[in-house]
């Protein structure tokens, strides 16, 4: 089972409704990966896990208002990434959803 590294970045407007979505989005992504910065998550996921996450994201966000970007990287890209002031992205343990 191959896992890939997904960098997920989101930006939602500043409104009461969007704040509720932001909280739900943060909670959802916390179940899939590591929160590294204010609106950034690093996730190591299998294809099935990512497909499930995609379906959940599509029902949660409002595309006309919200912006969610997912960058997919292979193991080589993760090894080549540079980090300053924090540790390199790494898969800490298996995630079972």
PDB file of N, CA and C in Angstrom:
ATOM      1  N   UNK A   1       0.848  -1.176   0.000  1.00  0.00           N
ATOM      2  CA  UNK A   1       0.000   0.000   0.000  1.00  0.00           C
ATOM      3  C   UNK A   1       0.900   1.248   0.000  1.00  0.00           C
ATOM      4  N   UNK A   2       0.821   2.012  -1.061  1.00  0.00           N
ATOM      5  CA  UNK A   2       1.651   3.192  -1.213  1.00  0.00           C
ATOM      6  C   UNK A   2       1.014   4.400  -0.535  1.00  0.00           C
ATOM      7  N   UNK A   3       1.819   5.137   0.189  1.00  0.00           N
ATOM      8  CA  UNK A   3       1.351   6.390   0.761  1.00  0.00           C
ATOM      9  C   UNK A   3       2.088   7.539   0.082  1.00  0.00           C
ATOM     10  N   UNK A   4       1.391   8.621  -0.105  1.00  0.00           N
ATOM     11  CA  UNK A   4       1.965   9.836  -0.655  1.00  0.00           C
ATOM     12  C   UNK A   4       1.860  10.931   0.380  1.00  0.00           C
ATOM     13  N   UNK A   5       2.642  11.967   0.189  1.00  0.00           N
ATOM     14  CA  UNK A   5       2.634  13.120   1.086  1.00  0.00           C
ATOM     15  C   UNK A   5       1.739  14.194   0.470  1.00  0.00           C
ATOM     16  N   UNK A   6       0.783  14.658   1.234  1.00  0.00           N
ATOM     17  CA  UNK A   6      -0.145  15.692   0.789  1.00  0.00           C
ATOM     18  C   UNK A   6       0.028  16.923   1.662  1.00  0.00           C
ATOM     19  N   UNK A   7       0.281  18.053   1.031  1.00  0.00           N
ATOM     20  CA  UNK A   7       0.347  19.322   1.724  1.00  0.00           C
ATOM     21  C   UNK A   7      -0.981  20.021   1.442  1.00  0.00           C
ATOM     22  N   UNK A   8      -1.760  20.265   2.485  1.00  0.00           N
ATOM     23  CA  UNK A   8      -3.096  20.833   2.327  1.00  0.00           C
ATOM     24  C   UNK A   8      -3.117  22.208   2.976  1.00  0.00           C
ATOM     25  N   UNK A   9      -3.478  23.200   2.177  1.00  0.00           N
ATOM     26  CA  UNK A   9      -3.484  24.595   2.604  1.00  0.00           C
ATOM     27  C   UNK A   9      -4.879  25.155   2.351  1.00  0.00           C
ATOM     28  N   UNK A  10      -5.405  25.859   3.328  1.00  0.00           N
ATOM     29  CA  UNK A  10      -6.749  26.403   3.135  1.00  0.00           C
ATOM     30  C   UNK A  10      -6.840  27.859   3.563  1.00  0.00           C
ATOM     31  N   UNK A  11      -7.801  28.559   2.961  1.00  0.00           N
ATOM     32  CA  UNK A  11      -8.083  29.952   3.283  1.00  0.00           C
ATOM     33  C   UNK A  11      -9.583  30.146   3.148  1.00  0.00           C
ATOM     34  N   UNK A  12     -10.220  30.519   4.230  1.00  0.00           N
ATOM     35  CA  UNK A  12     -11.661  30.759   4.225  1.00  0.00           C
ATOM     36  C   UNK A  12     -11.911  32.204   4.630  1.00  0.00           C
ATOM     37  N   UNK A  13     -12.997  32.797   4.144  1.00  0.00           N
ATOM     38  CA  UNK A  13     -13.280  34.191   4.476  1.00  0.00           C
ATOM     39  C   UNK A  13     -13.557  34.378   5.966  1.00  0.00           C
ATOM     40  N   UNK A  14     -13.530  35.624   6.387  1.00  0.00           N
ATOM     41  CA  UNK A  14     -13.763  35.945   7.791  1.00  0.00           C
ATOM     42  C   UNK A  14     -15.237  36.282   7.991  1.00  0.00           C
ATOM     43  N   UNK A  15     -16.024  35.258   8.221  1.00  0.00           N
ATOM     44  CA  UNK A  15     -17.446  35.433   8.513  1.00  0.00           C
ATOM     45  C   UNK A  15     -17.855  34.365   9.511  1.00  0.00           C
ATOM     46  N   UNK A  16     -18.997  34.565  10.131  1.00  0.00           N
ATOM     47  CA  UNK A  16     -19.445  33.606  11.151  1.00  0.00           C
ATOM     48  C   UNK A  16     -19.630  32.205  10.558  1.00  0.00           C
ATOM     49  N   UNK A  17     -20.266  32.131   9.380  1.00  0.00           N
ATOM     50  CA  UNK A  17     -20.490  30.836   8.731  1.00  0.00           C
ATOM     51  C   UNK A  17     -19.169  30.195   8.325  1.00  0.00           C
ATOM     52  N   UNK A  18     -18.248  30.995   7.781  1.00  0.00           N
ATOM     53  CA  UNK A  18     -16.956  30.459   7.353  1.00  0.00           C
ATOM     54  C   UNK A  18     -16.129  30.019   8.554  1.00  0.00           C
ATOM     55  N   UNK A  19     -16.260  30.711   9.668  1.00  0.00           N
ATOM     56  CA  UNK A  19     -15.531  30.310  10.871  1.00  0.00           C
ATOM     57  C   UNK A  19     -15.980  28.936  11.346  1.00  0.00           C
ATOM     58  N   UNK A  20     -17.272  28.654  11.232  1.00  0.00           N
ATOM     59  CA  UNK A  20     -17.774  27.322  11.597  1.00  0.00           C
ATOM     60  C   UNK A  20     -17.202  26.272  10.657  1.00  0.00           C
ATOM     61  N   UNK A  21     -17.176  26.588   9.344  1.00  0.00           N
ATOM     62  CA  UNK A  21     -16.595  25.657   8.371  1.00  0.00           C
ATOM     63  C   UNK A  21     -15.108  25.471   8.643  1.00  0.00           C
ATOM     64  N   UNK A  22     -14.422  26.553   8.977  1.00  0.00           N
ATOM     65  CA  UNK A  22     -12.984  26.479   9.265  1.00  0.00           C
ATOM     66  C   UNK A  22     -12.725  25.532  10.437  1.00  0.00           C
ATOM     67  N   UNK A  23     -13.526  25.642  11.481  1.00  0.00           N
ATOM     68  CA  UNK A  23     -13.366  24.750  12.634  1.00  0.00           C
ATOM     69  C   UNK A  23     -13.622  23.297  12.256  1.00  0.00           C
ATOM     70  N   UNK A  24     -14.657  23.066  11.449  1.00  0.00           N
ATOM     71  CA  UNK A  24     -14.948  21.701  11.007  1.00  0.00           C
ATOM     72  C   UNK A  24     -13.837  21.176  10.096  1.00  0.00           C
ATOM     73  N   UNK A  25     -13.315  22.051   9.230  1.00  0.00           N
ATOM     74  CA  UNK A  25     -12.232  21.660   8.334  1.00  0.00           C
ATOM     75  C   UNK A  25     -10.973  21.316   9.124  1.00  0.00           C
ATOM     76  N   UNK A  26     -10.646  22.127  10.103  1.00  0.00           N
ATOM     77  CA  UNK A  26      -9.479  21.868  10.951  1.00  0.00           C
ATOM     78  C   UNK A  26      -9.628  20.523  11.670  1.00  0.00           C
ATOM     79  N   UNK A  27     -10.800  20.266  12.201  1.00  0.00           N
ATOM     80  CA  UNK A  27     -11.049  19.003  12.904  1.00  0.00           C
ATOM     81  C   UNK A  27     -10.946  17.823  11.933  1.00  0.00           C
ATOM     82  N   UNK A  28     -11.506  17.976  10.742  1.00  0.00           N
ATOM     83  CA  UNK A  28     -11.445  16.922   9.733  1.00  0.00           C
ATOM     84  C   UNK A  28      -9.991  16.612   9.375  1.00  0.00           C
ATOM     85  N   UNK A  29      -9.216  17.643   9.055  1.00  0.00           N
ATOM     86  CA  UNK A  29      -7.836  17.439   8.647  1.00  0.00           C
ATOM     87  C   UNK A  29      -6.973  16.908   9.778  1.00  0.00           C
ATOM     88  N   UNK A  30      -7.313  17.242  11.011  1.00  0.00           N
ATOM     89  CA  UNK A  30      -6.567  16.723  12.168  1.00  0.00           C
ATOM     90  C   UNK A  30      -6.646  15.204  12.241  1.00  0.00           C
ATOM     91  N   UNK A  31      -7.700  14.634  11.710  1.00  0.00           N
ATOM     92  CA  UNK A  31      -7.844  13.185  11.683  1.00  0.00           C
ATOM     93  C   UNK A  31      -7.025  12.519  10.599  1.00  0.00           C
ATOM     94  N   UNK A  32      -6.469  13.318   9.699  1.00  0.00           N
ATOM     95  CA  UNK A  32      -5.707  12.770   8.578  1.00  0.00           C
ATOM     96  C   UNK A  32      -4.217  13.087   8.630  1.00  0.00           C
ATOM     97  N   UNK A  33      -3.836  14.134   9.345  1.00  0.00           N
ATOM     98  CA  UNK A  33      -2.432  14.504   9.312  1.00  0.00           C
ATOM     99  C   UNK A  33      -2.043  15.434  10.441  1.00  0.00           C
ATOM    100  N   UNK A  34      -0.914  16.093  10.247  1.00  0.00           N
ATOM    101  CA  UNK A  34      -0.328  16.938  11.277  1.00  0.00           C
ATOM    102  C   UNK A  34      -0.508  18.412  10.920  1.00  0.00           C
ATOM    103  N   UNK A  35      -1.019  19.168  11.877  1.00  0.00           N
ATOM    104  CA  UNK A  35      -1.186  20.607  11.727  1.00  0.00           C
ATOM    105  C   UNK A  35       0.180  21.247  11.946  1.00  0.00           C
ATOM    106  N   UNK A  36       0.695  21.928  10.933  1.00  0.00           N
ATOM    107  CA  UNK A  36       2.045  22.473  11.045  1.00  0.00           C
ATOM    108  C   UNK A  36       2.077  23.993  11.132  1.00  0.00           C
ATOM    109  N   UNK A  37       1.117  24.645  10.522  1.00  0.00           N
ATOM    110  CA  UNK A  37       1.008  26.101  10.596  1.00  0.00           C
ATOM    111  C   UNK A  37      -0.467  26.444  10.602  1.00  0.00           C
ATOM    112  N   UNK A  38      -0.777  27.735  10.725  1.00  0.00           N
ATOM    113  CA  UNK A  38      -2.160  28.166  10.943  1.00  0.00           C
ATOM    114  C   UNK A  38      -3.168  27.470  10.023  1.00  0.00           C
ATOM    115  N   UNK A  39      -2.938  27.458   8.739  1.00  0.00           N
ATOM    116  CA  UNK A  39      -3.896  26.825   7.828  1.00  0.00           C
ATOM    117  C   UNK A  39      -3.210  25.803   6.927  1.00  0.00           C
ATOM    118  N   UNK A  40      -2.255  25.073   7.489  1.00  0.00           N
ATOM    119  CA  UNK A  40      -1.474  24.103   6.725  1.00  0.00           C
ATOM    120  C   UNK A  40      -1.437  22.763   7.460  1.00  0.00           C
ATOM    121  N   UNK A  41      -1.715  21.715   6.710  1.00  0.00           N
ATOM    122  CA  UNK A  41      -1.617  20.353   7.236  1.00  0.00           C
ATOM    123  C   UNK A  41      -0.701  19.537   6.344  1.00  0.00           C
ATOM    124  N   UNK A  42       0.080  18.661   6.956  1.00  0.00           N
ATOM    125  CA  UNK A  42       0.904  17.699   6.248  1.00  0.00           C
ATOM    126  C   UNK A  42       0.319  16.315   6.521  1.00  0.00           C
ATOM    127  N   UNK A  43       0.025  15.590   5.447  1.00  0.00           N
ATOM    128  CA  UNK A  43      -0.645  14.294   5.595  1.00  0.00           C
ATOM    129  C   UNK A  43       0.060  13.233   4.759  1.00  0.00           C
ATOM    130  N   UNK A  44       0.266  12.076   5.332  1.00  0.00           N
ATOM    131  CA  UNK A  44       0.735  10.903   4.606  1.00  0.00           C
ATOM    132  C   UNK A  44      -0.477   9.986   4.466  1.00  0.00           C
ATOM    133  N   UNK A  45      -0.944   9.811   3.225  1.00  0.00           N
ATOM    134  CA  UNK A  45      -2.197   9.081   3.005  1.00  0.00           C
ATOM    135  C   UNK A  45      -2.070   8.056   1.896  1.00  0.00           C
ATOM    136  N   UNK A  46      -2.839   6.996   2.031  1.00  0.00           N
ATOM    137  CA  UNK A  46      -2.987   6.034   0.946  1.00  0.00           C
ATOM    138  C   UNK A  46      -3.994   6.606  -0.051  1.00  0.00           C
ATOM    139  N   UNK A  47      -4.108   5.978  -1.197  1.00  0.00           N
ATOM    140  CA  UNK A  47      -5.082   6.418  -2.197  1.00  0.00           C
ATOM    141  C   UNK A  47      -6.505   6.381  -1.667  1.00  0.00           C
ATOM    142  N   UNK A  48      -6.832   5.337  -0.915  1.00  0.00           N
ATOM    143  CA  UNK A  48      -8.189   5.218  -0.355  1.00  0.00           C
ATOM    144  C   UNK A  48      -8.452   6.309   0.683  1.00  0.00           C
ATOM    145  N   UNK A  49      -7.467   6.580   1.533  1.00  0.00           N
ATOM    146  CA  UNK A  49      -7.635   7.630   2.534  1.00  0.00           C
ATOM    147  C   UNK A  49      -7.829   8.990   1.859  1.00  0.00           C
ATOM    148  N   UNK A  50      -7.042   9.246   0.801  1.00  0.00           N
ATOM    149  CA  UNK A  50      -7.163  10.524   0.113  1.00  0.00           C
ATOM    150  C   UNK A  50      -8.519  10.648  -0.583  1.00  0.00           C
ATOM    151  N   UNK A  51      -8.998   9.572  -1.182  1.00  0.00           N
ATOM    152  CA  UNK A  51     -10.310   9.604  -1.838  1.00  0.00           C
ATOM    153  C   UNK A  51     -11.409   9.921  -0.818  1.00  0.00           C
ATOM    154  N   UNK A  52     -11.314   9.312   0.356  1.00  0.00           N
ATOM    155  CA  UNK A  52     -12.297   9.588   1.417  1.00  0.00           C
ATOM    156  C   UNK A  52     -12.211  11.042   1.858  1.00  0.00           C
ATOM    157  N   UNK A  53     -10.984  11.542   2.028  1.00  0.00           N
ATOM    158  CA  UNK A  53     -10.801  12.938   2.419  1.00  0.00           C
ATOM    159  C   UNK A  53     -11.366  13.877   1.361  1.00  0.00           C
ATOM    160  N   UNK A  54     -11.106  13.591   0.090  1.00  0.00           N
ATOM    161  CA  UNK A  54     -11.630  14.430  -0.991  1.00  0.00           C
ATOM    162  C   UNK A  54     -13.152  14.520  -0.927  1.00  0.00           C
ATOM    163  N   UNK A  55     -13.800  13.401  -0.736  1.00  0.00           N
ATOM    164  CA  UNK A  55     -15.264  13.392  -0.661  1.00  0.00           C
ATOM    165  C   UNK A  55     -15.751  14.242   0.511  1.00  0.00           C
ATOM    166  N   UNK A  56     -15.065  14.122   1.644  1.00  0.00           N
ATOM    167  CA  UNK A  56     -15.449  14.909   2.820  1.00  0.00           C
ATOM    168  C   UNK A  56     -15.200  16.399   2.595  1.00  0.00           C
ATOM    169  N   UNK A  57     -14.094  16.745   1.954  1.00  0.00           N
ATOM    170  CA  UNK A  57     -13.799  18.149   1.667  1.00  0.00           C
ATOM    171  C   UNK A  57     -14.856  18.753   0.750  1.00  0.00           C
ATOM    172  N   UNK A  58     -15.236  18.000  -0.266  1.00  0.00           N
ATOM    173  CA  UNK A  58     -16.209  18.502  -1.240  1.00  0.00           C
ATOM    174  C   UNK A  58     -17.572  18.779  -0.620  1.00  0.00           C
ATOM    175  N   UNK A  59     -17.933  18.055   0.419  1.00  0.00           N
ATOM    176  CA  UNK A  59     -19.216  18.313   1.075  1.00  0.00           C
ATOM    177  C   UNK A  59     -19.104  19.420   2.119  1.00  0.00           C
ATOM    178  N   UNK A  60     -17.887  19.709   2.584  1.00  0.00           N
ATOM    179  CA  UNK A  60     -17.688  20.682   3.651  1.00  0.00           C
ATOM    180  C   UNK A  60     -17.508  22.114   3.154  1.00  0.00           C
ATOM    181  N   UNK A  61     -16.706  22.281   2.127  1.00  0.00           N
ATOM    182  CA  UNK A  61     -16.371  23.637   1.716  1.00  0.00           C
ATOM    183  C   UNK A  61     -17.391  24.228   0.738  1.00  0.00           C
ATOM    184  N   UNK A  62     -17.355  25.559   0.620  1.00  0.00           N
ATOM    185  CA  UNK A  62     -18.152  26.286  -0.364  1.00  0.00           C
ATOM    186  C   UNK A  62     -17.181  26.827  -1.405  1.00  0.00           C
ATOM    187  N   UNK A  63     -17.105  26.199  -2.581  1.00  0.00           N
ATOM    188  CA  UNK A  63     -16.114  26.589  -3.585  1.00  0.00           C
ATOM    189  C   UNK A  63     -16.185  28.065  -4.005  1.00  0.00           C
ATOM    190  N   UNK A  64     -17.339  28.673  -3.927  1.00  0.00           N
ATOM    191  CA  UNK A  64     -17.468  30.082  -4.314  1.00  0.00           C
ATOM    192  C   UNK A  64     -16.803  31.009  -3.299  1.00  0.00           C
ATOM    193  N   UNK A  65     -16.605  30.533  -2.064  1.00  0.00           N
ATOM    194  CA  UNK A  65     -16.053  31.363  -0.999  1.00  0.00           C
ATOM    195  C   UNK A  65     -14.707  30.865  -0.461  1.00  0.00           C
ATOM    196  N   UNK A  66     -14.526  29.553  -0.425  1.00  0.00           N
ATOM    197  CA  UNK A  66     -13.375  28.953   0.231  1.00  0.00           C
ATOM    198  C   UNK A  66     -12.303  28.553  -0.774  1.00  0.00           C
ATOM    199  N   UNK A  67     -11.074  28.479  -0.298  1.00  0.00           N
ATOM    200  CA  UNK A  67      -9.966  28.013  -1.124  1.00  0.00           C
ATOM    201  C   UNK A  67      -9.227  26.921  -0.356  1.00  0.00           C
ATOM    202  N   UNK A  68      -9.170  25.742  -0.948  1.00  0.00           N
ATOM    203  CA  UNK A  68      -8.395  24.627  -0.382  1.00  0.00           C
ATOM    204  C   UNK A  68      -7.489  24.126  -1.491  1.00  0.00           C
ATOM    205  N   UNK A  69      -6.197  24.074  -1.211  1.00  0.00           N
ATOM    206  CA  UNK A  69      -5.220  23.582  -2.182  1.00  0.00           C
ATOM    207  C   UNK A  69      -4.565  22.335  -1.620  1.00  0.00           C
ATOM    208  N   UNK A  70      -4.431  21.330  -2.487  1.00  0.00           N
ATOM    209  CA  UNK A  70      -3.794  20.080  -2.092  1.00  0.00           C
ATOM    210  C   UNK A  70      -2.623  19.850  -3.038  1.00  0.00           C
ATOM    211  N   UNK A  71      -1.432  19.772  -2.463  1.00  0.00           N
ATOM    212  CA  UNK A  71      -0.232  19.495  -3.239  1.00  0.00           C
ATOM    213  C   UNK A  71       0.186  18.064  -2.938  1.00  0.00           C
ATOM    214  N   UNK A  72       0.308  17.263  -3.993  1.00  0.00           N
ATOM    215  CA  UNK A  72       0.641  15.849  -3.853  1.00  0.00           C
ATOM    216  C   UNK A  72       2.125  15.677  -4.163  1.00  0.00           C
ATOM    217  N   UNK A  73       2.846  15.037  -3.242  1.00  0.00           N
ATOM    218  CA  UNK A  73       4.288  14.852  -3.416  1.00  0.00           C
ATOM    219  C   UNK A  73       4.673  13.403  -3.165  1.00  0.00           C
ATOM    220  N   UNK A  74       5.626  12.936  -3.917  1.00  0.00           N
ATOM    221  CA  UNK A  74       6.128  11.585  -3.681  1.00  0.00           C
ATOM    222  C   UNK A  74       7.246  11.611  -2.644  1.00  0.00           C
ATOM    223  N   UNK A  75       7.760  10.447  -2.296  1.00  0.00           N
ATOM    224  CA  UNK A  75       8.782  10.353  -1.248  1.00  0.00           C
ATOM    225  C   UNK A  75      10.023  11.164  -1.594  1.00  0.00           C
ATOM    226  N   UNK A  76      10.387  11.224  -2.883  1.00  0.00           N
ATOM    227  CA  UNK A  76      11.551  11.999  -3.299  1.00  0.00           C
ATOM    228  C   UNK A  76      11.390  13.475  -3.014  1.00  0.00           C
ATOM    229  N   UNK A  77      10.199  14.002  -3.257  1.00  0.00           N
ATOM    230  CA  UNK A  77       9.943  15.424  -3.007  1.00  0.00           C
ATOM    231  C   UNK A  77      10.017  15.734  -1.515  1.00  0.00           C
ATOM    232  N   UNK A  78       9.530  14.825  -0.694  1.00  0.00           N
ATOM    233  CA  UNK A  78       9.577  15.036   0.755  1.00  0.00           C
ATOM    234  C   UNK A  78      11.033  15.086   1.218  1.00  0.00           C
ATOM    235  N   UNK A  79      11.862  14.183   0.706  1.00  0.00           N
ATOM    236  CA  UNK A  79      13.274  14.150   1.093  1.00  0.00           C
ATOM    237  C   UNK A  79      14.009  15.415   0.655  1.00  0.00           C
ATOM    238  N   UNK A  80      13.570  16.029  -0.444  1.00  0.00           N
ATOM    239  CA  UNK A  80      14.225  17.223  -0.967  1.00  0.00           C
ATOM    240  C   UNK A  80      13.700  18.508  -0.328  1.00  0.00           C
ATOM    241  N   UNK A  81      12.642  18.412   0.459  1.00  0.00           N
ATOM    242  CA  UNK A  81      12.071  19.625   1.048  1.00  0.00           C
ATOM    243  C   UNK A  81      12.989  20.191   2.127  1.00  0.00           C
ATOM    244  N   UNK A  82      12.945  21.484   2.272  1.00  0.00           N
ATOM    245  CA  UNK A  82      13.749  22.178   3.274  1.00  0.00           C
ATOM    246  C   UNK A  82      12.832  22.721   4.350  1.00  0.00           C
ATOM    247  N   UNK A  83      13.251  22.610   5.578  1.00  0.00           N
ATOM    248  CA  UNK A  83      12.489  23.191   6.684  1.00  0.00           C
ATOM    249  C   UNK A  83      13.437  23.986   7.564  1.00  0.00           C
ATOM    250  N   UNK A  84      12.949  25.098   8.050  1.00  0.00           N
ATOM    251  CA  UNK A  84      13.719  25.947   8.950  1.00  0.00           C
ATOM    252  C   UNK A  84      12.881  26.188  10.189  1.00  0.00           C
ATOM    253  N   UNK A  85      13.416  25.909  11.332  1.00  0.00           N
ATOM    254  CA  UNK A  85      12.712  26.173  12.581  1.00  0.00           C
ATOM    255  C   UNK A  85      11.730  25.103  13.005  1.00  0.00           C
ATOM    256  N   UNK A  86      11.679  24.003  12.285  1.00  0.00           N
ATOM    257  CA  UNK A  86      10.818  22.883  12.679  1.00  0.00           C
ATOM    258  C   UNK A  86      11.389  21.611  12.062  1.00  0.00           C
ATOM    259  N   UNK A  87      10.794  20.485  12.393  1.00  0.00           N
ATOM    260  CA  UNK A  87      11.338  19.235  11.883  1.00  0.00           C
ATOM    261  C   UNK A  87      10.821  18.914  10.489  1.00  0.00           C
ATOM    262  N   UNK A  88      11.578  18.133   9.773  1.00  0.00           N
ATOM    263  CA  UNK A  88      11.241  17.682   8.431  1.00  0.00           C
ATOM    264  C   UNK A  88       9.938  16.883   8.460  1.00  0.00           C
ATOM    265  N   UNK A  89       9.095  16.992   7.420  1.00  0.00           N
ATOM    266  CA  UNK A  89       7.873  16.182   7.398  1.00  0.00           C
ATOM    267  C   UNK A  89       8.219  14.702   7.438  1.00  0.00           C
ATOM    268  N   UNK A  90       7.497  13.965   8.287  1.00  0.00           N
ATOM    269  CA  UNK A  90       7.711  12.518   8.363  1.00  0.00           C
ATOM    270  C   UNK A  90       6.443  11.851   8.840  1.00  0.00           C
ATOM    271  N   UNK A  91       6.293  10.629   8.408  1.00  0.00           N
ATOM    272  CA  UNK A  91       5.135   9.850   8.822  1.00  0.00           C
ATOM    273  C   UNK A  91       5.437   9.268  10.176  1.00  0.00           C
ATOM    274  N   UNK A  92       4.658   9.690  11.181  1.00  0.00           N
ATOM    275  CA  UNK A  92       4.936   9.249  12.541  1.00  0.00           C
ATOM    276  C   UNK A  92       4.391   7.871  12.843  1.00  0.00           C
ATOM    277  N   UNK A  93       3.211   7.574  12.355  1.00  0.00           N
ATOM    278  CA  UNK A  93       2.617   6.263  12.586  1.00  0.00           C
ATOM    279  C   UNK A  93       1.519   6.032  11.582  1.00  0.00           C
ATOM    280  N   UNK A  94       1.035   4.827  11.529  1.00  0.00           N
ATOM    281  CA  UNK A  94      -0.072   4.515  10.644  1.00  0.00           C
ATOM    282  C   UNK A  94      -1.330   5.217  11.119  1.00  0.00           C
ATOM    283  N   UNK A  95      -2.069   5.740  10.164  1.00  0.00           N
ATOM    284  CA  UNK A  95      -3.322   6.419  10.501  1.00  0.00           C
ATOM    285  C   UNK A  95      -4.465   5.492  10.105  1.00  0.00           C
ATOM    286  N   UNK A  96      -5.303   5.162  11.048  1.00  0.00           N
ATOM    287  CA  UNK A  96      -6.435   4.287  10.773  1.00  0.00           C
ATOM    288  C   UNK A  96      -7.706   5.083  10.948  1.00  0.00           C
ATOM    289  N   UNK A  97      -8.479   5.179   9.871  1.00  0.00           N
ATOM    290  CA  UNK A  97      -9.720   5.950   9.905  1.00  0.00           C
ATOM    291  C   UNK A  97     -10.926   5.055   9.831  1.00  0.00           C
TER     292      UNK A  97
END
